[in-house]
Amino acid sequence: MALKEKILVAVDGSDRSLETIKHIAKRKPFQKKHLVLFNVFISLPDFYWDIENEPESRGAVVKARGWKAAKINEMEQFMIKARQILFNAGFPKENVTVKIKECEAGIARDIVKEAHHEYCAVVINRTGVGAISNLVLGSKAVKVIEKLLHVPVFIKGKEPPGNSIIIAMDSSECSMHAVDFSGELMSGFDFNITLFHAVRGAKTLIPGEENMSLPREDVQSQEDDIRAVFYQAKRRLINFGFKPENVTSKIITGVSSRAKAIVQEAKQNGHTTIVVGRRGLSKIHEFFMGSVSNKVIQLAKEQAVWVVT
């Protein structure tokens, strides 16, 4: 197996995790990679084993051992079901492996640690076991995303996979990484890609939104700059094998929120996947600081989102 050809799929045995597997099964480009279905389970606290030699506590220890064995068996059964879904969808059996491990530093930290072992991407659930139904993004998902600064992260949406993708662009290096990642992963399949850029320019009184009004000449300058970026991005996608007619571009101006504009564009034009760079021109290292990428994830509940470093 070539390095950087693995995708880490974090699962927790929940129905939501199984839905993520079904979603992946419908995405043909994933078949080009090696999927590692990865689970971190929480065992019992150490004090259960510390009391093992105490006669009055042996019954509790036996029950604890039984509970742990049952949890492992439950996850193994989940993995069998998950692998079969992928096999039925055409994934080669040698390209799907399973890894179940006991929690060491914490579920999110253990996922992040595993992701440093030569993976090209990580797939996570928005929420998992015990999640609140209206929660935008689960706490473990948040922790994983904000710590995975070296690898693209995929978050499944509610909509079934389609062949229309929108890549949110600016002139940053991260945006071009998003283009290259999309080109490498999705080349050879019938995908339509829209390169999209939104220019802020309208005043807004929405709480939490920065009031901003750009002069027309500045807006025009931004449009000229991004057209040059679009040209370079389209050339790269064509070099990956995309047909020129399948790569389009769009600029909108006067928006109060770039993230809202990206998600609205996806909804209105049937883009089931949104690809964003983790950091834009601001070069902010911390992810959850009101960035466009973070807001897109929070808003795009229907669409799948790739966050590319």
Protein backbone atom coordinates (compact mmCIF):
# COMPACT_ATOMS: atom_id res chain seq x y z
CA MET A 1 0.00 0.00 0.00
CA ALA A 2 1.47 3.36 -1.04
CA LEU A 3 1.94 5.97 1.65
CA LYS A 4 -0.72 8.66 1.89
CA GLU A 5 -3.24 6.35 0.22
CA LYS A 6 -5.17 5.60 3.39
CA ILE A 7 -8.36 7.28 4.60
CA LEU A 8 -9.14 7.06 8.31
CA VAL A 9 -12.86 6.55 8.97
CA ALA A 10 -13.66 7.17 12.64
CA VAL A 11 -16.70 5.18 13.78
CA ASP A 12 -18.36 4.71 17.16
CA GLY A 13 -20.86 1.92 16.47
CA SER A 14 -23.86 4.28 16.41
CA ASP A 15 -26.58 4.43 13.77
CA ARG A 16 -25.06 7.74 12.65
CA SER A 17 -21.75 6.00 12.08
CA LEU A 18 -23.45 3.35 9.98
CA GLU A 19 -25.11 6.10 7.92
CA THR A 20 -21.64 7.55 7.31
CA ILE A 21 -20.47 4.15 6.05
CA LYS A 22 -23.47 3.98 3.70
CA HIS A 23 -22.64 7.48 2.50
CA ILE A 24 -19.03 6.50 1.81
CA ALA A 25 -20.21 3.39 -0.02
CA LYS A 26 -21.95 5.63 -2.57
CA ARG A 27 -18.83 7.70 -3.20
CA LYS A 28 -16.89 5.96 -5.96
CA PRO A 29 -13.69 8.04 -5.53
CA PHE A 30 -13.18 6.49 -2.10
CA GLN A 31 -12.61 3.16 -3.84
CA LYS A 32 -9.25 4.50 -5.04
CA LYS A 33 -8.05 4.63 -1.45
CA HIS A 34 -7.53 2.20 1.42
CA LEU A 35 -10.15 2.69 4.13
CA VAL A 36 -9.28 2.04 7.76
CA LEU A 37 -12.41 1.78 9.91
CA PHE A 38 -11.17 3.02 13.27
CA ASN A 39 -12.85 2.78 16.66
CA VAL A 40 -11.70 3.99 20.06
CA PHE A 41 -13.71 2.50 22.91
CA ILE A 42 -13.66 3.60 26.52
CA SER A 43 -12.91 0.82 28.96
CA LEU A 44 -13.63 0.86 32.67
CA PRO A 45 -11.60 3.02 35.07
CA ASP A 46 -8.36 1.54 36.46
CA PHE A 47 -9.76 1.24 39.96
CA TYR A 48 -11.93 -1.68 38.79
CA TRP A 49 -8.76 -3.68 38.19
CA ASP A 50 -7.08 -2.36 41.33
CA ILE A 51 -9.71 -4.10 43.46
CA GLU A 52 -9.37 -7.41 41.62
CA ASN A 53 -7.63 -9.12 44.56
CA GLU A 54 -10.19 -8.01 47.11
CA PRO A 55 -12.56 -10.96 47.76
CA GLU A 56 -15.65 -8.81 48.29
CA SER A 57 -15.06 -7.05 44.93
CA ARG A 58 -14.39 -10.02 42.66
CA GLY A 59 -18.00 -10.14 41.51
CA ALA A 60 -17.80 -6.56 40.32
CA VAL A 61 -14.56 -7.26 38.49
CA VAL A 62 -16.09 -10.27 36.72
CA LYS A 63 -18.98 -8.08 35.60
CA ALA A 64 -16.54 -5.41 34.45
CA ARG A 65 -14.58 -7.91 32.37
CA GLY A 66 -17.83 -9.14 30.87
CA TRP A 67 -18.89 -5.58 30.04
CA LYS A 68 -15.60 -4.89 28.27
CA ALA A 69 -15.81 -8.12 26.27
CA ALA A 70 -19.38 -7.30 25.29
CA LYS A 71 -18.38 -3.82 24.08
CA ILE A 72 -15.58 -5.23 21.95
CA ASN A 73 -17.88 -7.89 20.52
CA GLU A 74 -20.51 -5.25 19.77
CA MET A 75 -17.98 -3.16 17.85
CA GLU A 76 -16.66 -6.19 15.98
CA GLN A 77 -20.20 -6.96 14.81
CA PHE A 78 -20.59 -3.35 13.72
CA MET A 79 -17.36 -3.58 11.74
CA ILE A 80 -18.52 -6.76 10.00
CA LYS A 81 -21.72 -5.00 8.95
CA ALA A 82 -19.84 -1.87 7.87
CA ARG A 83 -17.31 -3.80 5.78
CA GLN A 84 -20.07 -5.77 4.09
CA ILE A 85 -21.84 -2.55 3.08
CA LEU A 86 -18.63 -1.36 1.45
CA PHE A 87 -17.97 -4.71 -0.25
CA ASN A 88 -21.50 -4.78 -1.64
CA ALA A 89 -20.87 -1.32 -3.10
CA GLY A 90 -17.79 -2.56 -4.95
CA PHE A 91 -14.96 -1.74 -2.58
CA PRO A 92 -12.14 -4.31 -2.90
CA LYS A 93 -11.89 -6.44 0.23
CA GLU A 94 -8.16 -5.81 0.50
CA ASN A 95 -8.85 -2.05 0.62
CA VAL A 96 -10.94 -2.08 3.79
CA THR A 97 -9.38 -2.87 7.15
CA VAL A 98 -10.53 -2.56 10.75
CA LYS A 99 -8.76 -1.17 13.79
CA ILE A 100 -10.33 -1.26 17.27
CA LYS A 101 -8.37 0.10 20.22
CA GLU A 102 -8.91 0.96 23.84
CA CYS A 103 -8.96 4.65 24.68
CA GLU A 104 -5.63 6.00 25.93
CA ALA A 105 -5.58 9.81 25.95
CA GLY A 106 -9.21 10.45 25.03
CA ILE A 107 -11.30 9.55 22.00
CA ALA A 108 -10.60 12.74 20.04
CA ARG A 109 -6.89 12.71 20.91
CA ASP A 110 -6.55 9.06 19.96
CA ILE A 111 -8.19 9.72 16.58
CA VAL A 112 -5.83 12.63 15.97
CA LYS A 113 -2.82 10.51 16.99
CA GLU A 114 -3.85 7.75 14.58
CA ALA A 115 -4.36 10.29 11.80
CA HIS A 116 -0.65 11.11 11.91
CA HIS A 117 0.17 7.62 10.63
CA GLU A 118 0.34 8.41 6.90
CA TYR A 119 -3.34 9.08 6.13
CA CYS A 120 -4.41 11.32 3.26
CA ALA A 121 -7.77 12.21 4.87
CA VAL A 122 -10.01 11.62 7.89
CA VAL A 123 -13.77 10.99 7.88
CA ILE A 124 -15.74 11.84 11.02
CA ASN A 125 -19.37 11.98 12.11
CA ARG A 126 -21.00 15.26 13.02
CA THR A 127 -22.40 13.60 16.13
CA GLY A 128 -22.37 10.14 17.65
CA VAL A 129 -23.76 8.02 20.44
CA GLY A 130 -25.92 10.00 22.84
CA ALA A 131 -25.89 13.07 20.64
CA ILE A 132 -28.51 15.75 21.00
CA SER A 133 -30.67 15.65 17.88
CA ASN A 134 -30.43 19.36 17.11
CA LEU A 135 -26.72 19.68 17.91
CA VAL A 136 -24.86 21.35 15.06
CA LEU A 137 -21.52 19.66 15.66
CA GLY A 138 -20.64 17.17 18.39
CA SER A 139 -17.93 18.00 20.92
CA LYS A 140 -15.67 15.15 19.78
CA ALA A 141 -16.01 16.26 16.15
CA VAL A 142 -15.04 19.79 17.14
CA LYS A 143 -11.96 18.58 19.01
CA VAL A 144 -10.87 16.38 16.11
CA ILE A 145 -11.30 19.10 13.48
CA GLU A 146 -9.48 21.79 15.42
CA LYS A 147 -6.49 19.52 16.08
CA LEU A 148 -6.17 17.92 12.63
CA LEU A 149 -4.11 20.69 11.06
CA HIS A 150 -2.14 18.43 8.72
CA VAL A 151 -4.77 16.40 6.87
CA PRO A 152 -8.13 17.01 5.10
CA VAL A 153 -11.25 16.24 7.13
CA PHE A 154 -14.57 15.03 5.69
CA ILE A 155 -17.91 15.61 7.43
CA LYS A 156 -20.94 13.83 5.98
CA GLY A 157 -24.08 15.80 5.17
CA LYS A 158 -27.71 14.70 5.17
CA GLU A 159 -28.07 14.76 1.38
CA PRO A 160 -27.08 11.65 -0.62
CA PRO A 161 -23.84 12.02 -2.60
CA GLY A 162 -24.14 13.73 -5.96
CA ASN A 163 -21.76 14.64 -8.76
CA SER A 164 -21.79 18.41 -8.22
CA ILE A 165 -19.08 20.01 -6.09
CA ILE A 166 -18.43 23.60 -5.07
CA ILE A 167 -14.92 24.68 -4.09
CA ALA A 168 -14.82 27.91 -2.07
CA MET A 169 -11.83 29.89 -3.31
CA ASP A 170 -9.69 32.85 -2.40
CA SER A 171 -6.09 33.54 -3.40
CA SER A 172 -4.60 31.66 -0.46
CA GLU A 173 -2.35 28.63 -0.67
CA CYS A 174 -4.95 26.58 1.21
CA SER A 175 -7.53 27.20 -1.52
CA MET A 176 -5.22 25.79 -4.16
CA HIS A 177 -4.54 22.78 -1.91
CA ALA A 178 -8.33 22.25 -1.89
CA VAL A 179 -8.30 22.27 -5.69
CA ASP A 180 -5.43 19.78 -5.88
CA PHE A 181 -7.00 17.48 -3.32
CA SER A 182 -10.33 17.51 -5.16
CA GLY A 183 -8.60 16.90 -8.46
CA GLU A 184 -6.57 13.96 -7.19
CA LEU A 185 -9.44 12.28 -5.35
CA MET A 186 -12.26 12.85 -7.81
CA SER A 187 -10.52 12.60 -11.15
CA GLY A 188 -11.71 9.80 -13.41
CA PHE A 189 -15.33 10.19 -12.33
CA ASP A 190 -18.16 12.27 -13.76
CA PHE A 191 -18.04 15.27 -11.45
CA ASN A 192 -18.95 18.88 -12.13
CA ILE A 193 -16.96 21.44 -10.17
CA THR A 194 -17.84 25.06 -9.52
CA LEU A 195 -15.06 27.36 -8.33
CA PHE A 196 -16.77 29.96 -6.15
CA HIS A 197 -15.74 33.25 -4.58
CA ALA A 198 -17.82 35.69 -2.55
CA VAL A 199 -16.78 39.31 -2.03
CA ARG A 200 -17.99 41.03 1.11
CA GLY A 201 -19.29 44.50 0.47
CA ALA A 202 -22.67 45.16 2.06
CA LYS A 203 -23.20 46.73 5.46
CA THR A 204 -24.95 44.49 7.93
CA LEU A 205 -26.44 44.89 11.37
CA ILE A 206 -26.58 41.17 12.06
CA PRO A 207 -25.14 40.45 15.55
CA GLY A 208 -21.71 38.89 15.29
CA GLU A 209 -21.18 40.01 11.68
CA GLU A 210 -18.58 42.67 10.98
CA ASN A 211 -19.89 45.82 9.34
CA MET A 212 -18.01 46.34 6.12
CA SER A 213 -18.49 48.26 2.89
CA LEU A 214 -15.86 48.06 0.14
CA PRO A 215 -15.36 50.77 -2.47
CA ARG A 216 -16.28 49.66 -5.99
CA GLU A 217 -12.66 49.82 -7.16
CA ASP A 218 -11.60 47.45 -4.38
CA VAL A 219 -14.37 45.02 -5.30
CA GLN A 220 -13.26 45.16 -8.94
CA SER A 221 -9.66 44.52 -7.90
CA GLN A 222 -10.71 41.45 -5.91
CA GLU A 223 -12.71 40.15 -8.87
CA ASP A 224 -9.72 40.56 -11.19
CA ASP A 225 -7.44 38.79 -8.72
CA ILE A 226 -9.77 35.83 -8.20
CA ARG A 227 -10.30 35.37 -11.95
CA ALA A 228 -6.56 34.77 -12.25
CA VAL A 229 -6.82 32.23 -9.41
CA PHE A 230 -9.79 30.55 -11.13
CA TYR A 231 -7.77 30.26 -14.34
CA GLN A 232 -4.91 28.53 -12.54
CA ALA A 233 -7.30 26.25 -10.59
CA LYS A 234 -9.14 25.20 -13.76
CA ARG A 235 -5.86 24.36 -15.49
CA ARG A 236 -4.89 22.16 -12.56
CA LEU A 237 -8.22 20.32 -12.60
CA ILE A 238 -7.94 19.76 -16.35
CA ASN A 239 -4.45 18.35 -15.81
CA PHE A 240 -6.00 15.91 -13.33
CA GLY A 241 -8.36 14.75 -16.08
CA PHE A 242 -11.47 16.89 -15.68
CA LYS A 243 -13.21 18.00 -18.86
CA PRO A 244 -13.01 21.79 -19.35
CA GLU A 245 -16.78 22.04 -19.69
CA ASN A 246 -17.20 20.37 -16.28
CA VAL A 247 -15.27 23.12 -14.45
CA THR A 248 -17.08 26.45 -14.09
CA SER A 249 -16.55 29.50 -11.92
CA LYS A 250 -18.73 32.08 -10.22
CA ILE A 251 -18.16 35.33 -8.32
CA ILE A 252 -20.79 37.11 -6.27
CA THR A 253 -20.34 40.49 -4.58
CA GLY A 254 -21.92 42.50 -1.81
CA VAL A 255 -22.44 39.64 0.63
CA SER A 256 -22.55 40.15 4.38
CA SER A 257 -21.17 36.66 5.15
CA ARG A 258 -18.96 34.64 2.85
CA ALA A 259 -19.79 31.39 4.66
CA LYS A 260 -23.53 31.97 4.29
CA ALA A 261 -23.03 32.82 0.62
CA ILE A 262 -21.11 29.57 0.04
CA VAL A 263 -23.76 27.41 1.70
CA GLN A 264 -26.61 29.25 -0.02
CA GLU A 265 -24.94 28.77 -3.40
CA ALA A 266 -24.58 25.05 -2.68
CA LYS A 267 -28.24 24.73 -1.69
CA GLN A 268 -29.61 26.69 -4.64
CA ASN A 269 -27.57 24.87 -7.27
CA GLY A 270 -27.58 21.30 -6.00
CA HIS A 271 -23.96 21.04 -4.91
CA THR A 272 -23.92 18.13 -2.46
CA THR A 273 -20.28 18.62 -1.49
CA ILE A 274 -18.54 21.80 -0.35
CA VAL A 275 -14.75 21.95 -0.34
CA VAL A 276 -13.05 24.69 1.69
CA GLY A 277 -9.49 25.49 2.70
CA ARG A 278 -8.86 25.38 6.43
CA ARG A 279 -7.25 28.81 6.47
CA GLY A 280 -7.65 31.72 4.08
CA LEU A 281 -5.63 34.83 3.52
CA SER A 282 -5.67 35.75 7.21
CA LYS A 283 -3.29 32.85 7.94
CA ILE A 284 -5.03 32.28 11.28
CA HIS A 285 -3.57 29.09 12.70
CA GLU A 286 -6.37 28.41 15.14
CA PHE A 287 -9.36 26.91 13.35
CA PHE A 288 -12.30 27.75 15.57
CA MET A 289 -11.91 31.51 15.64
CA GLY A 290 -14.90 32.56 13.54
CA SER A 291 -13.23 31.47 10.31
CA VAL A 292 -15.15 30.98 7.08
CA SER A 293 -14.37 27.26 7.15
CA ASN A 294 -15.79 26.81 10.63
CA LYS A 295 -18.96 28.72 9.76
CA VAL A 296 -19.46 26.65 6.62
CA ILE A 297 -19.32 23.43 8.65
CA GLN A 298 -21.82 24.79 11.15
CA LEU A 299 -24.23 25.99 8.46
CA ALA A 300 -23.96 23.17 5.90
CA LYS A 301 -25.96 20.44 7.61
CA GLU A 302 -27.32 19.12 4.30
CA GLN A 303 -24.07 19.09 2.35
CA ALA A 304 -20.94 17.08 2.91
CA VAL A 305 -17.93 19.29 3.71
CA TRP A 306 -14.25 18.71 3.00
CA VAL A 307 -11.89 20.90 5.03
CA VAL A 308 -8.49 20.86 3.31
CA THR A 309 -5.27 22.03 4.91
